[in-house]
Amino acid sequence: HRTAAADLRAAAADATDRLHRIIGVLREENEPLSLTPPGETVEQLVARAAESGLPVRWETVHSPPEPGGVAERVLYRVVREALTNAARHAPGAEVTVAAAKEREADGTTVTVTSGRGSSVTPTRSGGTGLQSLRAAVTAVDGDFEAGPYGDGFRVRAYVPEQAVATTVRPTPTPAPHTAPFTQARRRIALALVGAAGAGVVLVGGGFAWYAYTETHSVLSPAAYAELRLGASAHDLAHVLPDRTVRDAPVERAPVPPPKDGDCRYYRASGELLVSVDHFRLCFDDDERLVAKDVIPRAGLSQRRSADEEFVR
């Protein structure tokens, strides 16, 4: 029972840690990296960590940047993050924090090196992580390095002495292992944009084809009035459009077409997206014009029938 209870406590602690990491990932894009004054210097931070039981020692060959300045606040955040990762991923390993003045540059380099036991690469802590630290340092024209070093892990940051405060946010393109939810949302958004773009192309292409077929099947009323019954299709070829209406309004025709006649339908107008009058030309087996009729646009058939009945 004691063993089972211990396993349960370990599982609960692990689940809580995972939950904190997930929350940190979800807040990654919207949470800026704060540079508010920490209230203590880097050296005081290291001393407090040592008093808490972390085996850490402080080495310096140069005085740290001016307390309260932008450079000092950035380096403080780097050291605090590195110490937190060392305590989490390499418990018991010795940690060294060193500050040095760059000879060829007007700035300070802080290095946090953890010893054996830190085989797990630090990822995130408190919702910021190494990616956010890199963004904070580079935003003030500094340099940032983090990775395996010997048997352990090392974080190194250089910050110029005259660093200027700026709003720092995580990098626009985080590494795949640091922002899975962010990249998933981005992939879904790109897929939706691609689908919408394909839909626009299809709709635009369909409308273009519709406009082409409709405008190339127009027989003007003047040309229709000049057509004479008995004329051959060959003689009328120069007058008739090169295309016929594909979806002819056969049901609106005032009279049925001639039996065994080859009927062709044309639009009386090139207007789009509205109902227009149509012309029906019917030819016999000898390609002679035997019938010509006007098919009124939608809504006029019943009105014309009513007018004819009123006249009668």
C-alpha atoms as a PDB file:
ATOM      1  CA  HIS A   1       0.000   0.000   0.000  1.00  0.00           C
ATOM      2  CA  ARG A   2       2.860   2.404   0.812  1.00  0.00           C
ATOM      3  CA  THR A   3       4.498   1.626  -2.542  1.00  0.00           C
ATOM      4  CA  ALA A   4       1.224   2.241  -4.395  1.00  0.00           C
ATOM      5  CA  ALA A   5       0.724   5.542  -2.558  1.00  0.00           C
ATOM      6  CA  ALA A   6       4.260   6.650  -3.454  1.00  0.00           C
ATOM      7  CA  ASP A   7       3.666   5.792  -7.108  1.00  0.00           C
ATOM      8  CA  LEU A   8       0.404   7.740  -7.019  1.00  0.00           C
ATOM      9  CA  ARG A   9       2.119  10.811  -5.563  1.00  0.00           C
ATOM     10  CA  ALA A  10       4.844  10.615  -8.213  1.00  0.00           C
ATOM     11  CA  ALA A  11       2.251  10.337 -10.983  1.00  0.00           C
ATOM     12  CA  ALA A  12       0.308  13.305  -9.603  1.00  0.00           C
ATOM     13  CA  ALA A  13       3.458  15.424  -9.429  1.00  0.00           C
ATOM     14  CA  ASP A  14       4.380  14.474 -13.001  1.00  0.00           C
ATOM     15  CA  ALA A  15       0.860  15.297 -14.226  1.00  0.00           C
ATOM     16  CA  THR A  16       0.996  18.679 -12.521  1.00  0.00           C
ATOM     17  CA  ASP A  17       4.358  19.453 -14.147  1.00  0.00           C
ATOM     18  CA  ARG A  18       3.007  18.457 -17.558  1.00  0.00           C
ATOM     19  CA  LEU A  19      -0.037  20.664 -17.030  1.00  0.00           C
ATOM     20  CA  HIS A  20       2.166  23.663 -16.271  1.00  0.00           C
ATOM     21  CA  ARG A  21       4.138  23.023 -19.452  1.00  0.00           C
ATOM     22  CA  ILE A  22       0.999  22.722 -21.571  1.00  0.00           C
ATOM     23  CA  ILE A  23      -0.365  25.967 -20.134  1.00  0.00           C
ATOM     24  CA  GLY A  24       2.955  27.618 -20.912  1.00  0.00           C
ATOM     25  CA  VAL A  25       2.776  26.427 -24.534  1.00  0.00           C
ATOM     26  CA  LEU A  26      -0.785  27.651 -24.964  1.00  0.00           C
ATOM     27  CA  ARG A  27       0.113  31.098 -23.626  1.00  0.00           C
ATOM     28  CA  GLU A  28       3.271  31.305 -25.715  1.00  0.00           C
ATOM     29  CA  GLU A  29       2.079  33.643 -28.456  1.00  0.00           C
ATOM     30  CA  ASN A  30       0.198  36.112 -26.296  1.00  0.00           C
ATOM     31  CA  GLU A  31       2.396  36.460 -23.227  1.00  0.00           C
ATOM     32  CA  PRO A  32       5.282  38.952 -23.532  1.00  0.00           C
ATOM     33  CA  LEU A  33       8.563  38.436 -21.707  1.00  0.00           C
ATOM     34  CA  SER A  34       8.420  40.901 -18.851  1.00  0.00           C
ATOM     35  CA  LEU A  35      11.523  42.919 -18.022  1.00  0.00           C
ATOM     36  CA  THR A  36      10.261  44.435 -14.785  1.00  0.00           C
ATOM     37  CA  PRO A  37      12.954  45.130 -12.187  1.00  0.00           C
ATOM     38  CA  PRO A  38      13.629  41.904 -10.214  1.00  0.00           C
ATOM     39  CA  GLY A  39      14.352  43.710  -6.937  1.00  0.00           C
ATOM     40  CA  GLU A  40      17.707  41.944  -6.490  1.00  0.00           C
ATOM     41  CA  THR A  41      20.967  41.670  -8.389  1.00  0.00           C
ATOM     42  CA  VAL A  42      22.262  38.615 -10.224  1.00  0.00           C
ATOM     43  CA  GLU A  43      24.791  37.962  -7.474  1.00  0.00           C
ATOM     44  CA  GLN A  44      22.048  38.133  -4.829  1.00  0.00           C
ATOM     45  CA  LEU A  45      19.936  35.725  -6.899  1.00  0.00           C
ATOM     46  CA  VAL A  46      22.807  33.212  -6.961  1.00  0.00           C
ATOM     47  CA  ALA A  47      23.338  33.593  -3.220  1.00  0.00           C
ATOM     48  CA  ARG A  48      19.644  32.998  -2.535  1.00  0.00           C
ATOM     49  CA  ALA A  49      19.685  29.885  -4.736  1.00  0.00           C
ATOM     50  CA  ALA A  50      22.702  28.575  -2.792  1.00  0.00           C
ATOM     51  CA  GLU A  51      20.943  29.180   0.522  1.00  0.00           C
ATOM     52  CA  SER A  52      17.977  27.196  -0.805  1.00  0.00           C
ATOM     53  CA  GLY A  53      20.194  24.131  -1.248  1.00  0.00           C
ATOM     54  CA  LEU A  54      21.206  24.407  -4.899  1.00  0.00           C
ATOM     55  CA  PRO A  55      24.949  23.609  -5.260  1.00  0.00           C
ATOM     56  CA  VAL A  56      25.790  26.804  -7.126  1.00  0.00           C
ATOM     57  CA  ARG A  57      28.817  29.080  -6.928  1.00  0.00           C
ATOM     58  CA  TRP A  58      29.401  32.582  -8.243  1.00  0.00           C
ATOM     59  CA  GLU A  59      32.483  33.562 -10.225  1.00  0.00           C
ATOM     60  CA  THR A  60      33.104  37.042 -11.539  1.00  0.00           C
ATOM     61  CA  VAL A  61      36.080  38.806 -13.091  1.00  0.00           C
ATOM     62  CA  HIS A  62      34.107  41.958 -13.738  1.00  0.00           C
ATOM     63  CA  SER A  63      31.394  43.837 -11.932  1.00  0.00           C
ATOM     64  CA  PRO A  64      27.919  43.044 -13.328  1.00  0.00           C
ATOM     65  CA  PRO A  65      26.029  45.755 -15.217  1.00  0.00           C
ATOM     66  CA  GLU A  66      24.507  48.663 -13.367  1.00  0.00           C
ATOM     67  CA  PRO A  67      21.687  47.430 -11.096  1.00  0.00           C
ATOM     68  CA  GLY A  68      18.222  48.296 -12.395  1.00  0.00           C
ATOM     69  CA  GLY A  69      19.398  48.818 -15.955  1.00  0.00           C
ATOM     70  CA  VAL A  70      18.048  46.975 -18.971  1.00  0.00           C
ATOM     71  CA  ALA A  71      21.226  44.899 -19.368  1.00  0.00           C
ATOM     72  CA  GLU A  72      21.172  43.801 -15.735  1.00  0.00           C
ATOM     73  CA  ARG A  73      17.477  42.869 -15.894  1.00  0.00           C
ATOM     74  CA  VAL A  74      17.969  40.760 -19.042  1.00  0.00           C
ATOM     75  CA  LEU A  75      20.937  38.904 -17.536  1.00  0.00           C
ATOM     76  CA  TYR A  76      18.999  38.406 -14.289  1.00  0.00           C
ATOM     77  CA  ARG A  77      16.204  36.719 -16.248  1.00  0.00           C
ATOM     78  CA  VAL A  78      18.712  34.505 -18.072  1.00  0.00           C
ATOM     79  CA  VAL A  79      20.374  33.375 -14.852  1.00  0.00           C
ATOM     80  CA  ARG A  80      17.083  32.746 -13.066  1.00  0.00           C
ATOM     81  CA  GLU A  81      15.785  30.634 -15.962  1.00  0.00           C
ATOM     82  CA  ALA A  82      19.034  28.661 -16.194  1.00  0.00           C
ATOM     83  CA  LEU A  83      19.099  27.966 -12.439  1.00  0.00           C
ATOM     84  CA  THR A  84      15.465  26.840 -12.513  1.00  0.00           C
ATOM     85  CA  ASN A  85      16.193  24.434 -15.378  1.00  0.00           C
ATOM     86  CA  ALA A  86      19.286  23.100 -13.608  1.00  0.00           C
ATOM     87  CA  ALA A  87      17.320  22.424 -10.416  1.00  0.00           C
ATOM     88  CA  ARG A  88      14.566  20.679 -12.377  1.00  0.00           C
ATOM     89  CA  HIS A  89      16.576  18.632 -14.884  1.00  0.00           C
ATOM     90  CA  ALA A  90      19.857  18.065 -13.031  1.00  0.00           C
ATOM     91  CA  PRO A  91      19.087  17.902  -9.308  1.00  0.00           C
ATOM     92  CA  GLY A  92      22.283  17.646  -7.281  1.00  0.00           C
ATOM     93  CA  ALA A  93      24.563  18.689 -10.130  1.00  0.00           C
ATOM     94  CA  GLU A  94      27.011  21.503  -9.463  1.00  0.00           C
ATOM     95  CA  VAL A  95      26.191  24.804 -11.163  1.00  0.00           C
ATOM     96  CA  THR A  96      28.586  27.657 -11.881  1.00  0.00           C
ATOM     97  CA  VAL A  97      27.470  31.195 -12.679  1.00  0.00           C
ATOM     98  CA  ALA A  98      30.204  33.418 -14.128  1.00  0.00           C
ATOM     99  CA  ALA A  99      30.125  37.050 -15.215  1.00  0.00           C
ATOM    100  CA  ALA A 100      32.879  38.574 -17.340  1.00  0.00           C
ATOM    101  CA  LYS A 101      33.588  41.807 -19.169  1.00  0.00           C
ATOM    102  CA  GLU A 102      34.086  41.390 -22.932  1.00  0.00           C
ATOM    103  CA  ARG A 103      37.394  42.957 -23.886  1.00  0.00           C
ATOM    104  CA  GLU A 104      36.470  43.817 -27.470  1.00  0.00           C
ATOM    105  CA  ALA A 105      32.870  44.788 -26.745  1.00  0.00           C
ATOM    106  CA  ASP A 106      31.204  47.120 -24.303  1.00  0.00           C
ATOM    107  CA  GLY A 107      29.068  44.611 -22.505  1.00  0.00           C
ATOM    108  CA  THR A 108      28.848  41.686 -20.066  1.00  0.00           C
ATOM    109  CA  THR A 109      28.731  37.939 -20.666  1.00  0.00           C
ATOM    110  CA  VAL A 110      27.038  35.686 -18.135  1.00  0.00           C
ATOM    111  CA  THR A 111      27.549  31.916 -18.323  1.00  0.00           C
ATOM    112  CA  VAL A 112      25.551  29.332 -16.374  1.00  0.00           C
ATOM    113  CA  THR A 113      27.079  25.840 -16.549  1.00  0.00           C
ATOM    114  CA  SER A 114      25.516  22.783 -14.916  1.00  0.00           C
ATOM    115  CA  GLY A 115      27.451  19.564 -14.402  1.00  0.00           C
ATOM    116  CA  ARG A 116      26.712  15.885 -14.863  1.00  0.00           C
ATOM    117  CA  GLY A 117      23.093  14.857 -14.576  1.00  0.00           C
ATOM    118  CA  SER A 118      21.614  17.416 -16.963  1.00  0.00           C
ATOM    119  CA  SER A 119      21.213  15.021 -19.888  1.00  0.00           C
ATOM    120  CA  VAL A 120      17.669  16.245 -20.416  1.00  0.00           C
ATOM    121  CA  THR A 121      17.710  19.423 -22.480  1.00  0.00           C
ATOM    122  CA  PRO A 122      15.745  22.183 -20.709  1.00  0.00           C
ATOM    123  CA  THR A 123      12.664  23.240 -22.600  1.00  0.00           C
ATOM    124  CA  ARG A 124      10.398  25.646 -20.747  1.00  0.00           C
ATOM    125  CA  SER A 125       9.928  27.034 -17.303  1.00  0.00           C
ATOM    126  CA  GLY A 126       7.200  29.318 -16.055  1.00  0.00           C
ATOM    127  CA  GLY A 127       5.779  29.835 -19.543  1.00  0.00           C
ATOM    128  CA  THR A 128       8.902  31.466 -21.023  1.00  0.00           C
ATOM    129  CA  GLY A 129      11.737  29.021 -21.802  1.00  0.00           C
ATOM    130  CA  LEU A 130      14.939  29.244 -23.747  1.00  0.00           C
ATOM    131  CA  GLN A 131      13.233  30.509 -26.905  1.00  0.00           C
ATOM    132  CA  SER A 132      11.860  33.510 -25.040  1.00  0.00           C
ATOM    133  CA  LEU A 133      15.237  34.161 -23.448  1.00  0.00           C
ATOM    134  CA  ARG A 134      16.865  34.132 -26.859  1.00  0.00           C
ATOM    135  CA  ALA A 135      14.280  36.662 -28.062  1.00  0.00           C
ATOM    136  CA  ALA A 136      14.902  38.879 -25.023  1.00  0.00           C
ATOM    137  CA  VAL A 137      18.667  38.902 -25.473  1.00  0.00           C
ATOM    138  CA  THR A 138      18.705  39.426 -29.233  1.00  0.00           C
ATOM    139  CA  ALA A 139      16.120  42.209 -28.885  1.00  0.00           C
ATOM    140  CA  VAL A 140      18.764  44.316 -27.101  1.00  0.00           C
ATOM    141  CA  ASP A 141      21.449  43.437 -29.716  1.00  0.00           C
ATOM    142  CA  GLY A 142      22.944  40.695 -27.547  1.00  0.00           C
ATOM    143  CA  ASP A 143      24.006  37.098 -28.241  1.00  0.00           C
ATOM    144  CA  PHE A 144      22.487  33.952 -26.740  1.00  0.00           C
ATOM    145  CA  GLU A 145      23.700  30.340 -26.764  1.00  0.00           C
ATOM    146  CA  ALA A 146      22.274  27.284 -25.029  1.00  0.00           C
ATOM    147  CA  GLY A 147      23.116  23.611 -25.445  1.00  0.00           C
ATOM    148  CA  PRO A 148      25.038  20.582 -24.162  1.00  0.00           C
ATOM    149  CA  TYR A 149      28.464  21.359 -22.753  1.00  0.00           C
ATOM    150  CA  GLY A 150      30.734  18.511 -21.701  1.00  0.00           C
ATOM    151  CA  ASP A 151      28.712  16.224 -19.453  1.00  0.00           C
ATOM    152  CA  GLY A 152      26.197  18.914 -18.676  1.00  0.00           C
ATOM    153  CA  PHE A 153      24.479  21.941 -20.136  1.00  0.00           C
ATOM    154  CA  ARG A 154      25.529  25.568 -20.603  1.00  0.00           C
ATOM    155  CA  VAL A 155      23.609  28.817 -21.124  1.00  0.00           C
ATOM    156  CA  ARG A 156      25.619  31.799 -22.291  1.00  0.00           C
ATOM    157  CA  ALA A 157      24.312  35.339 -22.862  1.00  0.00           C
ATOM    158  CA  TYR A 158      26.090  38.533 -23.870  1.00  0.00           C
ATOM    159  CA  VAL A 159      24.278  41.849 -23.351  1.00  0.00           C
ATOM    160  CA  PRO A 160      25.735  45.253 -24.332  1.00  0.00           C
ATOM    161  CA  GLU A 161      26.196  47.748 -21.555  1.00  0.00           C
ATOM    162  CA  GLN A 162      23.943  50.361 -23.189  1.00  0.00           C
ATOM    163  CA  ALA A 163      21.041  48.008 -23.891  1.00  0.00           C
ATOM    164  CA  VAL A 164      17.763  49.749 -24.678  1.00  0.00           C
ATOM    165  CA  ALA A 165      14.448  48.439 -23.337  1.00  0.00           C
ATOM    166  CA  THR A 166      12.063  46.994 -25.879  1.00  0.00           C
ATOM    167  CA  THR A 167       8.944  44.881 -25.939  1.00  0.00           C
ATOM    168  CA  VAL A 168      10.061  41.258 -26.178  1.00  0.00           C
ATOM    169  CA  ARG A 169       7.903  38.408 -27.339  1.00  0.00           C
ATOM    170  CA  PRO A 170       8.721  34.807 -28.226  1.00  0.00           C
ATOM    171  CA  THR A 171      10.248  34.113 -31.630  1.00  0.00           C
ATOM    172  CA  PRO A 172       7.729  34.147 -34.503  1.00  0.00           C
ATOM    173  CA  THR A 173       8.668  30.606 -35.546  1.00  0.00           C
ATOM    174  CA  PRO A 174       9.260  28.521 -32.424  1.00  0.00           C
ATOM    175  CA  ALA A 175      11.018  25.180 -32.595  1.00  0.00           C
ATOM    176  CA  PRO A 176       8.707  22.214 -33.286  1.00  0.00           C
ATOM    177  CA  HIS A 177       9.195  20.692 -29.809  1.00  0.00           C
ATOM    178  CA  THR A 178       8.429  23.962 -27.991  1.00  0.00           C
ATOM    179  CA  ALA A 179       5.110  24.910 -29.572  1.00  0.00           C
ATOM    180  CA  PRO A 180       3.133  21.926 -30.883  1.00  0.00           C
ATOM    181  CA  PHE A 181      -0.226  23.562 -30.262  1.00  0.00           C
ATOM    182  CA  THR A 182       0.868  26.773 -31.959  1.00  0.00           C
ATOM    183  CA  GLN A 183       2.115  24.943 -35.042  1.00  0.00           C
ATOM    184  CA  ALA A 184      -1.057  22.831 -35.172  1.00  0.00           C
ATOM    185  CA  ARG A 185      -3.198  25.986 -35.141  1.00  0.00           C
ATOM    186  CA  ARG A 186      -0.979  27.483 -37.820  1.00  0.00           C
ATOM    187  CA  ARG A 187      -1.295  24.381 -40.036  1.00  0.00           C
ATOM    188  CA  ILE A 188      -5.086  24.377 -39.651  1.00  0.00           C
ATOM    189  CA  ALA A 189      -5.245  28.082 -40.535  1.00  0.00           C
ATOM    190  CA  LEU A 190      -3.075  27.535 -43.624  1.00  0.00           C
ATOM    191  CA  ALA A 191      -5.257  24.605 -44.687  1.00  0.00           C
ATOM    192  CA  LEU A 192      -8.398  26.730 -44.335  1.00  0.00           C
ATOM    193  CA  VAL A 193      -6.829  29.577 -46.282  1.00  0.00           C
ATOM    194  CA  GLY A 194      -5.772  27.154 -49.015  1.00  0.00           C
ATOM    195  CA  ALA A 195      -9.248  25.648 -49.216  1.00  0.00           C
ATOM    196  CA  ALA A 196     -10.816  29.118 -49.367  1.00  0.00           C
ATOM    197  CA  GLY A 197      -8.390  30.142 -52.106  1.00  0.00           C
ATOM    198  CA  ALA A 198      -9.185  27.014 -54.123  1.00  0.00           C
ATOM    199  CA  GLY A 199     -12.893  27.737 -53.704  1.00  0.00           C
ATOM    200  CA  VAL A 200     -12.437  31.300 -54.955  1.00  0.00           C
ATOM    201  CA  VAL A 201     -10.532  30.016 -57.994  1.00  0.00           C
ATOM    202  CA  LEU A 202     -13.216  27.441 -58.777  1.00  0.00           C
ATOM    203  CA  VAL A 203     -16.041  29.935 -58.370  1.00  0.00           C
ATOM    204  CA  GLY A 204     -14.213  32.523 -60.448  1.00  0.00           C
ATOM    205  CA  GLY A 205     -13.471  29.983 -63.180  1.00  0.00           C
ATOM    206  CA  GLY A 206     -17.076  28.797 -63.207  1.00  0.00           C
ATOM    207  CA  PHE A 207     -18.411  32.340 -63.513  1.00  0.00           C
ATOM    208  CA  ALA A 208     -15.946  33.125 -66.303  1.00  0.00           C
ATOM    209  CA  TRP A 209     -17.101  30.075 -68.263  1.00  0.00           C
ATOM    210  CA  TYR A 210     -20.745  30.979 -67.643  1.00  0.00           C
ATOM    211  CA  ALA A 211     -20.154  34.535 -68.898  1.00  0.00           C
ATOM    212  CA  TYR A 212     -18.340  33.262 -71.999  1.00  0.00           C
ATOM    213  CA  THR A 213     -21.046  30.783 -73.011  1.00  0.00           C
ATOM    214  CA  GLU A 214     -23.881  33.208 -72.344  1.00  0.00           C
ATOM    215  CA  THR A 215     -22.392  36.137 -74.268  1.00  0.00           C
ATOM    216  CA  HIS A 216     -21.383  33.961 -77.251  1.00  0.00           C
ATOM    217  CA  SER A 217     -24.920  32.616 -77.761  1.00  0.00           C
ATOM    218  CA  VAL A 218     -26.643  35.971 -78.321  1.00  0.00           C
ATOM    219  CA  LEU A 219     -28.742  36.560 -81.442  1.00  0.00           C
ATOM    220  CA  SER A 220     -29.738  40.208 -81.681  1.00  0.00           C
ATOM    221  CA  PRO A 221     -33.456  40.995 -82.138  1.00  0.00           C
ATOM    222  CA  ALA A 222     -32.657  42.866 -85.360  1.00  0.00           C
ATOM    223  CA  ALA A 223     -30.885  39.840 -86.839  1.00  0.00           C
ATOM    224  CA  TYR A 224     -33.737  37.579 -85.711  1.00  0.00           C
ATOM    225  CA  ALA A 225     -36.299  39.804 -87.477  1.00  0.00           C
ATOM    226  CA  GLU A 226     -34.379  39.438 -90.767  1.00  0.00           C
ATOM    227  CA  LEU A 227     -34.514  35.630 -90.735  1.00  0.00           C
ATOM    228  CA  ARG A 228     -36.852  34.173 -93.380  1.00  0.00           C
ATOM    229  CA  LEU A 229     -38.512  30.780 -93.288  1.00  0.00           C
ATOM    230  CA  GLY A 230     -37.111  28.427 -95.922  1.00  0.00           C
ATOM    231  CA  ALA A 231     -33.574  29.843 -95.706  1.00  0.00           C
ATOM    232  CA  SER A 232     -30.833  27.225 -95.385  1.00  0.00           C
ATOM    233  CA  ALA A 233     -28.652  26.893 -92.332  1.00  0.00           C
ATOM    234  CA  HIS A 234     -25.639  27.463 -94.576  1.00  0.00           C
ATOM    235  CA  ASP A 235     -26.987  30.823 -95.722  1.00  0.00           C
ATOM    236  CA  LEU A 236     -27.716  31.834 -92.123  1.00  0.00           C
ATOM    237  CA  ALA A 237     -24.338  30.742 -90.720  1.00  0.00           C
ATOM    238  CA  HIS A 238     -22.878  34.249 -90.910  1.00  0.00           C
ATOM    239  CA  VAL A 239     -25.789  35.647 -88.871  1.00  0.00           C
ATOM    240  CA  LEU A 240     -26.144  32.983 -86.183  1.00  0.00           C
ATOM    241  CA  PRO A 241     -23.858  32.983 -83.081  1.00  0.00           C
ATOM    242  CA  ASP A 242     -21.114  30.370 -82.831  1.00  0.00           C
ATOM    243  CA  ARG A 243     -22.713  28.831 -79.732  1.00  0.00           C
ATOM    244  CA  THR A 244     -26.255  27.819 -78.767  1.00  0.00           C
ATOM    245  CA  VAL A 245     -27.869  27.993 -75.340  1.00  0.00           C
ATOM    246  CA  ARG A 246     -27.063  24.850 -73.371  1.00  0.00           C
ATOM    247  CA  ASP A 247     -29.852  25.156 -70.795  1.00  0.00           C
ATOM    248  CA  ALA A 248     -32.710  26.193 -73.053  1.00  0.00           C
ATOM    249  CA  PRO A 249     -36.033  27.293 -71.452  1.00  0.00           C
ATOM    250  CA  VAL A 250     -38.066  24.726 -73.423  1.00  0.00           C
ATOM    251  CA  GLU A 251     -40.937  24.743 -70.921  1.00  0.00           C
ATOM    252  CA  ARG A 252     -41.617  28.451 -71.504  1.00  0.00           C
ATOM    253  CA  ALA A 253     -42.083  28.109 -75.275  1.00  0.00           C
ATOM    254  CA  PRO A 254     -45.491  29.486 -76.407  1.00  0.00           C
ATOM    255  CA  VAL A 255     -46.028  26.615 -78.889  1.00  0.00           C
ATOM    256  CA  PRO A 256     -44.465  23.150 -79.179  1.00  0.00           C
ATOM    257  CA  PRO A 257     -41.639  22.755 -81.702  1.00  0.00           C
ATOM    258  CA  PRO A 258     -42.266  21.135 -85.134  1.00  0.00           C
ATOM    259  CA  LYS A 259     -42.221  17.364 -85.108  1.00  0.00           C
ATOM    260  CA  ASP A 260     -38.802  15.884 -85.962  1.00  0.00           C
ATOM    261  CA  GLY A 261     -37.388  19.410 -86.172  1.00  0.00           C
ATOM    262  CA  ASP A 262     -33.827  20.287 -85.147  1.00  0.00           C
ATOM    263  CA  CYS A 263     -34.368  23.277 -82.847  1.00  0.00           C
ATOM    264  CA  ARG A 264     -31.639  25.629 -81.718  1.00  0.00           C
ATOM    265  CA  TYR A 265     -31.962  28.205 -78.962  1.00  0.00           C
ATOM    266  CA  TYR A 266     -30.266  31.608 -78.679  1.00  0.00           C
ATOM    267  CA  ARG A 267     -30.323  34.429 -76.139  1.00  0.00           C
ATOM    268  CA  ALA A 268     -31.860  37.756 -77.156  1.00  0.00           C
ATOM    269  CA  SER A 269     -29.554  39.692 -74.786  1.00  0.00           C
ATOM    270  CA  GLY A 270     -26.100  39.349 -73.248  1.00  0.00           C
ATOM    271  CA  GLU A 271     -27.228  40.341 -69.745  1.00  0.00           C
ATOM    272  CA  LEU A 272     -25.899  38.014 -67.046  1.00  0.00           C
ATOM    273  CA  LEU A 273     -27.558  36.635 -63.928  1.00  0.00           C
ATOM    274  CA  VAL A 274     -31.040  37.677 -65.138  1.00  0.00           C
ATOM    275  CA  SER A 275     -33.716  35.970 -67.183  1.00  0.00           C
ATOM    276  CA  VAL A 276     -33.861  37.180 -70.814  1.00  0.00           C
ATOM    277  CA  ASP A 277     -35.925  36.428 -73.910  1.00  0.00           C
ATOM    278  CA  HIS A 278     -34.806  33.534 -76.102  1.00  0.00           C
ATOM    279  CA  PHE A 279     -35.169  32.763 -79.802  1.00  0.00           C
ATOM    280  CA  ARG A 280     -35.972  29.262 -81.071  1.00  0.00           C
ATOM    281  CA  LEU A 281     -35.006  28.355 -84.641  1.00  0.00           C
ATOM    282  CA  CYS A 282     -36.085  24.958 -85.965  1.00  0.00           C
ATOM    283  CA  PHE A 283     -34.657  23.302 -89.101  1.00  0.00           C
ATOM    284  CA  ASP A 284     -35.913  20.280 -91.045  1.00  0.00           C
ATOM    285  CA  ASP A 285     -33.892  17.380 -92.379  1.00  0.00           C
ATOM    286  CA  ASP A 286     -32.742  19.489 -95.326  1.00  0.00           C
ATOM    287  CA  GLU A 287     -31.371  22.150 -92.972  1.00  0.00           C
ATOM    288  CA  ARG A 288     -34.123  24.593 -93.936  1.00  0.00           C
ATOM    289  CA  LEU A 289     -35.592  27.031 -91.436  1.00  0.00           C
ATOM    290  CA  VAL A 290     -39.164  25.857 -90.828  1.00  0.00           C
ATOM    291  CA  ALA A 291     -40.070  27.712 -87.592  1.00  0.00           C
ATOM    292  CA  LYS A 292     -38.923  30.708 -85.561  1.00  0.00           C
ATOM    293  CA  ASP A 293     -40.388  31.617 -82.184  1.00  0.00           C
ATOM    294  CA  VAL A 294     -39.749  34.009 -79.313  1.00  0.00           C
ATOM    295  CA  ILE A 295     -39.614  32.448 -75.832  1.00  0.00           C
ATOM    296  CA  PRO A 296     -40.327  35.216 -73.273  1.00  0.00           C
ATOM    297  CA  ARG A 297     -38.185  35.534 -70.188  1.00  0.00           C
ATOM    298  CA  ALA A 298     -39.372  34.091 -66.895  1.00  0.00           C
ATOM    299  CA  GLY A 299     -42.468  35.789 -65.493  1.00  0.00           C
ATOM    300  CA  LEU A 300     -43.761  37.054 -68.845  1.00  0.00           C
ATOM    301  CA  SER A 301     -45.342  33.872 -70.207  1.00  0.00           C
ATOM    302  CA  GLN A 302     -48.290  33.914 -67.812  1.00  0.00           C
ATOM    303  CA  ARG A 303     -48.760  37.696 -68.198  1.00  0.00           C
ATOM    304  CA  ARG A 304     -48.884  37.458 -71.986  1.00  0.00           C
ATOM    305  CA  SER A 305     -51.387  34.581 -71.814  1.00  0.00           C
ATOM    306  CA  ALA A 306     -53.575  36.626 -69.499  1.00  0.00           C
ATOM    307  CA  ASP A 307     -53.397  39.637 -71.835  1.00  0.00           C
ATOM    308  CA  GLU A 308     -54.372  37.489 -74.833  1.00  0.00           C
ATOM    309  CA  GLU A 309     -57.326  36.037 -72.910  1.00  0.00           C
ATOM    310  CA  PHE A 310     -58.448  39.560 -71.935  1.00  0.00           C
ATOM    311  CA  VAL A 311     -58.330  40.672 -75.581  1.00  0.00           C
ATOM    312  CA  ARG A 312     -60.410  37.689 -76.671  1.00  0.00           C
END
